[in-house]
Amino acid sequence: MPLGLMYSTHSMHPFFGMAFMIIAWIVQLVIAYFVYKDAKEQKMSAPLWFILVIIPMYGFLLAILYVIIREVRMPIETQKTPVDILKARFAKGEITVEEYEKGKDVLMK
């Protein structure tokens, strides 16, 4: 077998390997950005997840792990303040305007 045919199917120009690495890294950075934003909204450690997702070779696996953890994790419920509860009761029509104003005055003191 001629030497040129043997190497022609297995050799690639070095540019293609470098271009693939750059594209993969850019995709990884975009994924890391979205993971960071979501982790911040979920009140998880956003900088840590960003760093984990940009780790070469393992970042894509860690991004999948993040999605699994996010889906399994219980959502964080925000604590309602007494004023929020009062507003909700007023919006539902459970209390009158006078009761709402009186309750708001008492709670704001």
C-alpha atoms as a PDB file:
ATOM      1  CA  MET A   1       0.000   0.000   0.000  1.00  0.00           C
ATOM      2  CA  PRO A   2       1.448   3.369  -0.930  1.00  0.00           C
ATOM      3  CA  LEU A   3       2.436   5.514   1.996  1.00  0.00           C
ATOM      4  CA  GLY A   4       0.322   8.502   0.827  1.00  0.00           C
ATOM      5  CA  LEU A   5      -2.913   6.491   0.879  1.00  0.00           C
ATOM      6  CA  MET A   6      -2.230   5.089   4.311  1.00  0.00           C
ATOM      7  CA  TYR A   7      -1.913   8.527   5.911  1.00  0.00           C
ATOM      8  CA  SER A   8      -4.460  10.396   3.825  1.00  0.00           C
ATOM      9  CA  THR A   9      -7.465   8.908   5.653  1.00  0.00           C
ATOM     10  CA  HIS A  10      -6.052   9.309   9.152  1.00  0.00           C
ATOM     11  CA  SER A  11      -4.395  12.691   9.081  1.00  0.00           C
ATOM     12  CA  MET A  12      -6.215  15.953   9.665  1.00  0.00           C
ATOM     13  CA  HIS A  13      -4.993  19.428   9.292  1.00  0.00           C
ATOM     14  CA  PRO A  14      -4.021  20.815  12.737  1.00  0.00           C
ATOM     15  CA  PHE A  15      -6.350  23.774  12.189  1.00  0.00           C
ATOM     16  CA  PHE A  16      -9.446  21.558  12.358  1.00  0.00           C
ATOM     17  CA  GLY A  17      -8.434  20.133  15.735  1.00  0.00           C
ATOM     18  CA  MET A  18      -7.790  23.608  17.119  1.00  0.00           C
ATOM     19  CA  ALA A  19     -11.048  24.960  15.644  1.00  0.00           C
ATOM     20  CA  PHE A  20     -12.988  22.092  17.214  1.00  0.00           C
ATOM     21  CA  MET A  21     -11.420  22.798  20.610  1.00  0.00           C
ATOM     22  CA  ILE A  22     -12.248  26.505  20.380  1.00  0.00           C
ATOM     23  CA  ILE A  23     -15.846  25.834  19.346  1.00  0.00           C
ATOM     24  CA  ALA A  24     -16.264  23.252  22.130  1.00  0.00           C
ATOM     25  CA  TRP A  25     -14.867  25.735  24.661  1.00  0.00           C
ATOM     26  CA  ILE A  26     -17.219  28.509  23.490  1.00  0.00           C
ATOM     27  CA  VAL A  27     -20.202  26.135  23.742  1.00  0.00           C
ATOM     28  CA  GLN A  28     -19.034  25.169  27.230  1.00  0.00           C
ATOM     29  CA  LEU A  29     -18.823  28.844  28.253  1.00  0.00           C
ATOM     30  CA  VAL A  30     -22.351  29.500  26.978  1.00  0.00           C
ATOM     31  CA  ILE A  31     -23.674  26.506  28.914  1.00  0.00           C
ATOM     32  CA  ALA A  32     -21.768  27.669  32.009  1.00  0.00           C
ATOM     33  CA  TYR A  33     -23.334  31.129  31.707  1.00  0.00           C
ATOM     34  CA  PHE A  34     -26.858  29.682  31.657  1.00  0.00           C
ATOM     35  CA  VAL A  35     -26.044  27.335  34.549  1.00  0.00           C
ATOM     36  CA  TYR A  36     -24.696  30.327  36.506  1.00  0.00           C
ATOM     37  CA  LYS A  37     -27.872  32.367  35.906  1.00  0.00           C
ATOM     38  CA  ASP A  38     -30.136  29.471  36.835  1.00  0.00           C
ATOM     39  CA  ALA A  39     -28.104  28.519  39.919  1.00  0.00           C
ATOM     40  CA  LYS A  40     -28.313  32.125  41.099  1.00  0.00           C
ATOM     41  CA  GLU A  41     -32.116  32.083  40.733  1.00  0.00           C
ATOM     42  CA  GLN A  42     -32.304  28.746  42.545  1.00  0.00           C
ATOM     43  CA  LYS A  43     -30.151  30.150  45.381  1.00  0.00           C
ATOM     44  CA  MET A  44     -27.473  27.541  44.738  1.00  0.00           C
ATOM     45  CA  SER A  45     -23.746  28.303  44.653  1.00  0.00           C
ATOM     46  CA  ALA A  46     -23.655  29.980  41.230  1.00  0.00           C
ATOM     47  CA  PRO A  47     -19.882  30.714  41.046  1.00  0.00           C
ATOM     48  CA  LEU A  48     -19.043  27.139  42.051  1.00  0.00           C
ATOM     49  CA  TRP A  49     -21.323  25.660  39.379  1.00  0.00           C
ATOM     50  CA  PHE A  50     -19.889  28.040  36.775  1.00  0.00           C
ATOM     51  CA  ILE A  51     -16.355  26.900  37.578  1.00  0.00           C
ATOM     52  CA  LEU A  52     -17.345  23.231  37.572  1.00  0.00           C
ATOM     53  CA  VAL A  53     -19.083  23.491  34.209  1.00  0.00           C
ATOM     54  CA  ILE A  54     -16.098  25.135  32.468  1.00  0.00           C
ATOM     55  CA  ILE A  55     -13.674  22.375  33.513  1.00  0.00           C
ATOM     56  CA  PRO A  56     -12.379  20.835  30.279  1.00  0.00           C
ATOM     57  CA  MET A  57     -13.665  17.350  29.438  1.00  0.00           C
ATOM     58  CA  TYR A  58     -15.800  17.079  32.592  1.00  0.00           C
ATOM     59  CA  GLY A  59     -17.810  20.274  32.233  1.00  0.00           C
ATOM     60  CA  PHE A  60     -20.514  18.768  30.047  1.00  0.00           C
ATOM     61  CA  LEU A  61     -20.979  15.893  32.490  1.00  0.00           C
ATOM     62  CA  LEU A  62     -21.145  18.306  35.413  1.00  0.00           C
ATOM     63  CA  ALA A  63     -23.730  20.409  33.538  1.00  0.00           C
ATOM     64  CA  ILE A  64     -25.872  17.279  33.221  1.00  0.00           C
ATOM     65  CA  LEU A  65     -25.315  16.594  36.930  1.00  0.00           C
ATOM     66  CA  TYR A  66     -26.447  20.157  37.707  1.00  0.00           C
ATOM     67  CA  VAL A  67     -29.697  19.638  35.789  1.00  0.00           C
ATOM     68  CA  ILE A  68     -30.345  16.373  37.656  1.00  0.00           C
ATOM     69  CA  ILE A  69     -29.670  17.979  41.055  1.00  0.00           C
ATOM     70  CA  ARG A  70     -31.828  20.970  40.147  1.00  0.00           C
ATOM     71  CA  GLU A  71     -34.778  18.781  39.197  1.00  0.00           C
ATOM     72  CA  VAL A  72     -34.528  16.527  42.272  1.00  0.00           C
ATOM     73  CA  ARG A  73     -33.984  19.366  44.725  1.00  0.00           C
ATOM     74  CA  MET A  74     -36.977  20.818  46.518  1.00  0.00           C
ATOM     75  CA  PRO A  75     -37.808  24.346  45.329  1.00  0.00           C
ATOM     76  CA  ILE A  76     -37.056  27.066  47.816  1.00  0.00           C
ATOM     77  CA  GLU A  77     -40.200  28.860  48.889  1.00  0.00           C
ATOM     78  CA  THR A  78     -39.849  32.443  49.914  1.00  0.00           C
ATOM     79  CA  GLN A  79     -41.208  33.384  53.312  1.00  0.00           C
ATOM     80  CA  LYS A  80     -44.259  35.587  53.068  1.00  0.00           C
ATOM     81  CA  THR A  81     -44.291  38.617  55.312  1.00  0.00           C
ATOM     82  CA  PRO A  82     -47.424  39.517  57.265  1.00  0.00           C
ATOM     83  CA  VAL A  83     -47.978  42.435  54.876  1.00  0.00           C
ATOM     84  CA  ASP A  84     -47.847  40.021  51.899  1.00  0.00           C
ATOM     85  CA  ILE A  85     -50.464  37.819  53.558  1.00  0.00           C
ATOM     86  CA  LEU A  86     -52.614  40.881  54.257  1.00  0.00           C
ATOM     87  CA  LYS A  87     -52.344  41.964  50.597  1.00  0.00           C
ATOM     88  CA  ALA A  88     -53.294  38.473  49.415  1.00  0.00           C
ATOM     89  CA  ARG A  89     -56.352  38.381  51.692  1.00  0.00           C
ATOM     90  CA  PHE A  90     -57.424  41.808  50.435  1.00  0.00           C
ATOM     91  CA  ALA A  91     -56.932  40.730  46.808  1.00  0.00           C
ATOM     92  CA  LYS A  92     -59.099  37.640  47.398  1.00  0.00           C
ATOM     93  CA  GLY A  93     -61.831  39.798  48.918  1.00  0.00           C
ATOM     94  CA  GLU A  94     -61.590  38.216  52.371  1.00  0.00           C
ATOM     95  CA  ILE A  95     -61.174  41.607  54.083  1.00  0.00           C
ATOM     96  CA  THR A  96     -62.489  45.093  53.411  1.00  0.00           C
ATOM     97  CA  VAL A  97     -60.506  48.229  52.592  1.00  0.00           C
ATOM     98  CA  GLU A  98     -60.880  49.443  56.174  1.00  0.00           C
ATOM     99  CA  GLU A  99     -59.604  46.150  57.593  1.00  0.00           C
ATOM    100  CA  TYR A 100     -56.705  46.204  55.139  1.00  0.00           C
ATOM    101  CA  GLU A 101     -55.721  49.781  56.043  1.00  0.00           C
ATOM    102  CA  LYS A 102     -56.028  49.077  59.781  1.00  0.00           C
ATOM    103  CA  GLY A 103     -53.969  45.888  59.486  1.00  0.00           C
ATOM    104  CA  LYS A 104     -51.315  47.638  57.396  1.00  0.00           C
ATOM    105  CA  ASP A 105     -51.040  50.469  59.950  1.00  0.00           C
ATOM    106  CA  VAL A 106     -50.643  47.975  62.796  1.00  0.00           C
ATOM    107  CA  LEU A 107     -48.048  45.907  60.943  1.00  0.00           C
ATOM    108  CA  MET A 108     -45.982  48.878  59.801  1.00  0.00           C
ATOM    109  CA  LYS A 109     -45.455  50.185  63.363  1.00  0.00           C
END
